[in-house]
Protein backbone atom coordinates (compact mmCIF):
# COMPACT_ATOMS: atom_id res chain seq x y z
CA MET A 1 -16.25 5.22 21.10
CA GLN A 2 -18.42 3.13 18.79
CA LYS A 3 -16.55 1.30 16.04
CA MET A 4 -17.42 2.37 12.49
CA TRP A 5 -19.63 -0.02 10.52
CA THR A 6 -17.24 -1.38 7.88
CA VAL A 7 -17.96 -4.00 5.20
CA SER A 8 -16.33 -5.19 2.00
CA TYR A 9 -17.64 -3.98 -1.34
CA GLN A 10 -18.76 -7.54 -2.13
CA GLU A 11 -20.86 -7.56 1.05
CA TYR A 12 -22.29 -4.17 0.10
CA LEU A 13 -23.47 -5.58 -3.25
CA LYS A 14 -25.77 -7.92 -1.32
CA PHE A 15 -27.57 -5.03 0.39
CA ASP A 16 -31.18 -4.48 -0.60
CA GLY A 17 -31.51 -2.65 -3.91
CA VAL A 18 -27.80 -2.15 -4.59
CA LYS A 19 -27.42 -4.52 -7.56
CA ASP A 20 -30.65 -3.29 -9.15
CA GLY A 21 -29.50 0.31 -8.69
CA ILE A 22 -26.20 -0.43 -10.46
CA LYS A 23 -28.04 -2.21 -13.30
CA ASN A 24 -30.31 0.81 -13.76
CA VAL A 25 -27.35 3.20 -13.96
CA LYS A 26 -25.61 0.92 -16.48
CA ALA A 27 -28.75 0.83 -18.63
CA ARG A 28 -29.07 4.63 -18.56
CA LYS A 29 -25.42 5.01 -19.53
CA LYS A 30 -25.90 2.73 -22.55
CA VAL A 31 -28.73 4.94 -23.78
CA GLN A 32 -26.74 8.12 -23.12
CA ARG A 33 -23.73 6.69 -24.95
CA ARG A 34 -25.82 6.29 -28.08
CA LEU A 35 -27.35 9.76 -27.84
CA LEU A 36 -24.79 12.06 -26.26
CA SER A 37 -21.41 13.02 -27.69
CA SER A 38 -20.34 13.98 -24.14
CA MET A 39 -20.29 10.27 -23.20
CA LYS A 40 -17.84 9.57 -26.05
CA TYR A 41 -15.82 12.61 -24.95
CA GLY A 42 -15.60 11.16 -21.44
CA GLU A 43 -14.52 7.78 -22.79
CA ALA A 44 -11.80 9.49 -24.85
CA ILE A 45 -10.51 11.17 -21.70
CA GLU A 46 -10.44 7.87 -19.80
CA GLN A 47 -8.56 6.18 -22.63
CA THR A 48 -6.01 9.02 -22.76
CA VAL A 49 -5.39 8.76 -19.01
CA PHE A 50 -5.02 4.97 -19.32
CA THR A 51 -2.46 5.45 -22.13
CA VAL A 52 -0.52 8.08 -20.18
CA LEU A 53 -0.29 6.00 -17.01
CA SER A 54 0.62 2.86 -18.97
CA LYS A 55 3.65 4.71 -20.38
CA HIS A 56 5.01 5.43 -16.89
CA GLU A 57 7.82 3.01 -16.08
CA GLN A 58 6.78 2.54 -12.43
CA LEU A 59 3.01 2.35 -12.79
CA LYS A 60 0.78 -0.56 -13.70
CA VAL A 61 -2.81 0.35 -14.49
CA SER A 62 -5.88 -1.83 -15.03
CA HIS A 63 -9.54 -1.08 -15.72
CA THR A 64 -12.02 -1.91 -12.99
CA ALA A 65 -15.09 -3.98 -13.87
CA PRO A 66 -18.22 -1.98 -14.88
CA GLN A 67 -19.79 -2.95 -11.56
CA MET A 68 -16.83 -1.38 -9.72
CA ASP A 69 -16.81 1.66 -11.99
CA ILE A 70 -20.48 2.48 -11.31
CA GLY A 71 -21.12 1.04 -7.85
CA PHE A 72 -17.75 1.78 -6.25
CA GLY A 73 -16.85 4.91 -8.21
CA ALA A 74 -13.41 4.07 -9.62
CA ASP A 75 -12.28 3.65 -13.24
CA PHE A 76 -8.82 2.16 -12.64
CA GLN A 77 -6.60 0.42 -10.14
CA VAL A 78 -3.04 1.73 -10.20
CA SER A 79 -0.11 -0.10 -8.61
CA PHE A 80 3.61 0.54 -8.27
CA LYS A 81 6.68 -0.60 -6.35
CA GLU A 82 8.85 1.71 -4.29
CA ASN A 83 11.76 0.70 -2.04
CA GLU A 84 10.86 -2.96 -2.70
CA LYS A 85 7.34 -2.42 -1.33
CA ASN A 86 4.09 -2.75 -3.28
CA TYR A 87 1.56 0.09 -3.30
CA SER A 88 -1.77 0.60 -5.03
CA PHE A 89 -4.82 2.85 -5.12
CA PHE A 90 -8.10 3.25 -6.97
CA LEU A 91 -8.40 6.12 -9.46
CA ASP A 92 -11.49 7.91 -10.76
CA VAL A 93 -11.25 10.04 -13.93
CA THR A 94 -13.77 12.78 -14.66
CA CYS A 95 -14.17 15.74 -17.00
CA SER A 96 -15.76 18.00 -14.41
CA LYS A 97 -15.43 19.19 -10.83
CA LYS A 98 -16.77 16.40 -8.64
CA PRO A 99 -18.66 16.75 -5.37
CA ASN A 100 -17.20 15.09 -2.26
CA VAL A 101 -13.65 15.63 -3.57
CA LYS A 102 -10.84 17.49 -1.81
CA TYR A 103 -8.32 18.79 -4.32
CA LEU A 104 -4.56 19.06 -3.96
CA THR A 105 -3.00 22.50 -3.42
CA LEU A 106 0.50 23.71 -4.28
CA LYS A 107 1.37 23.44 -0.56
CA GLY A 108 0.49 19.74 -0.53
CA ASN A 109 -2.71 20.25 1.45
CA THR A 110 -6.22 19.59 0.17
CA THR A 111 -9.12 21.98 -0.42
CA GLU A 112 -12.73 21.82 -1.56
CA ASP A 113 -12.27 25.14 -3.36
CA TRP A 114 -11.61 24.35 -7.03
CA ASN A 115 -10.21 27.86 -7.64
CA SER A 116 -7.43 27.48 -5.05
CA ALA A 117 -6.49 23.94 -6.10
CA PHE A 118 -3.28 23.03 -7.92
CA CYS A 119 -3.76 22.80 -11.71
CA TYR A 120 -1.28 20.82 -13.82
CA GLN A 121 -1.03 22.06 -17.41
CA ALA A 122 -0.19 19.41 -20.03
CA ASP A 123 0.01 19.92 -23.78
CA SER A 124 -3.56 18.80 -24.48
CA PHE A 125 -5.38 19.13 -21.16
CA ARG A 126 -5.33 20.61 -17.67
CA VAL A 127 -5.76 18.33 -14.69
CA TYR A 128 -6.70 18.76 -11.03
CA PHE A 129 -5.77 16.00 -8.58
CA GLY A 130 -7.89 15.14 -5.56
CA LEU A 131 -9.16 12.61 -3.05
CA LYS A 132 -12.75 11.32 -3.00
CA GLU A 133 -13.73 10.34 0.53
CA ARG A 134 -17.29 9.14 -0.13
CA HIS A 135 -19.41 7.78 -2.95
CA SER A 136 -22.42 10.07 -3.11
CA LYS A 137 -24.70 9.49 -0.08
CA PHE A 138 -24.12 5.73 -0.04
CA PHE A 139 -20.81 5.10 1.73
CA PHE A 140 -17.40 6.38 2.82
CA TYR A 141 -14.24 4.75 1.52
CA GLU A 142 -11.84 3.21 4.02
CA LYS A 143 -9.06 4.40 1.69
CA PRO A 144 -10.19 7.40 -0.39
CA VAL A 145 -10.18 7.12 -4.17
CA VAL A 146 -7.68 9.32 -6.02
CA VAL A 147 -9.34 11.62 -8.58
CA MET A 148 -8.10 13.21 -11.79
CA SER A 149 -10.45 15.97 -12.99
CA ILE A 150 -9.59 16.78 -16.61
CA ASP A 151 -10.26 20.22 -18.07
CA GLU A 152 -9.79 21.66 -21.60
CA PHE A 153 -9.07 18.25 -23.10
CA GLU A 154 -7.99 18.11 -26.76
CA PRO A 155 -8.24 14.55 -28.17
CA GLY A 156 -5.54 13.12 -30.39
CA LYS A 157 -2.51 15.06 -29.16
CA ASP A 158 0.58 13.16 -28.04
CA ILE A 159 1.51 13.39 -24.35
CA GLY A 160 5.19 14.12 -23.85
CA GLU A 161 7.39 11.91 -21.66
CA ALA A 162 7.93 14.73 -19.16
CA HIS A 163 4.17 15.01 -18.58
CA VAL A 164 3.89 11.23 -18.17
CA ASN A 165 6.59 11.26 -15.49
CA ASN A 166 5.17 14.31 -13.70
CA ILE A 167 1.61 12.99 -13.59
CA GLY A 168 2.82 9.62 -12.32
CA GLN A 169 4.86 11.29 -9.58
CA ILE A 170 1.89 13.40 -8.45
CA LEU A 171 -0.32 10.31 -8.21
CA MET A 172 2.29 8.41 -6.19
CA SER A 173 2.63 11.43 -3.90
CA LEU A 174 -1.13 11.41 -3.32
CA ASN A 175 -0.90 7.76 -2.30
CA ASN A 176 1.87 8.72 0.13
CA LEU A 177 -0.40 11.44 1.52
CA LEU A 178 -3.08 8.80 2.15
CA LYS A 179 -0.52 6.63 3.95
CA GLU A 180 0.46 9.57 6.15
CA ARG A 181 -3.23 9.92 7.06
CA GLY A 182 -3.31 6.34 8.27
CA CYS A 183 -4.59 4.53 5.18
CA GLY A 184 -3.06 1.25 4.05
CA ALA A 185 -0.45 1.01 1.32
CA ARG A 186 -2.76 -1.03 -0.92
CA ALA A 187 -6.03 -0.20 -2.65
CA SER A 188 -8.95 -1.10 -0.38
CA GLN A 189 -12.49 -2.22 -1.18
CA LYS A 190 -13.55 -1.74 2.43
CA ILE A 191 -16.32 0.82 2.85
CA GLN A 192 -18.42 2.39 5.61
CA PRO A 193 -22.08 2.33 4.45
CA ASN A 194 -24.58 5.02 5.36
CA PRO A 195 -26.70 3.39 8.11
CA THR A 196 -29.58 5.76 7.36
CA ILE A 197 -29.97 4.26 3.88
CA PHE A 198 -29.14 0.67 4.80
CA ARG A 199 -31.04 0.45 8.11
CA ASP A 200 -31.86 -3.26 8.02
CA GLU A 201 -28.29 -4.31 7.16
CA PHE A 202 -26.93 -2.02 9.89
CA LYS A 203 -29.30 -3.48 12.52
CA ARG A 204 -28.24 -7.01 11.59
CA SER A 205 -24.59 -6.05 12.06
CA LEU A 206 -25.06 -4.92 15.69
């Protein structure tokens, strides 16, 4: 069986057109941020999630760089310690149902069907938890990115301690699910690029 073509995200940034593509997306987002209230709404959601996770006694959360946010598809890196071992994962926060995401069910499985996915109801938002296995058509993640899809968000409301603890526990359980599937304990920037898009780089790797 042929080994999958795997590179680091830093190597991927050197591929033809990748950096320019990220710059173009960043430029479009700056324009949208000035014109669209939905961009500010999305930023409010991200800040709320950051605040919630920062309140959890086991979790440490940090923003990814804009280049990672856009090019890799993750807003945060979340880390925690359990049984004296260090764990971490990348997290993407969105205010809509995302393609390429498999959502958590009440049975602990995953599904692509939004309607049969587990929905957690907090005081000021509903949230669906999932795993993103690929970033659009560009690459697959070696370790999938954890996703929080926020629905019916009401800015400004305080998040109770019970919700903070529950959300943190669900996220740690998703990381455990990834470990059970053979992924590493730590967040990974290793990716498997689409050889159809990056033909020249793929040929040079053979």
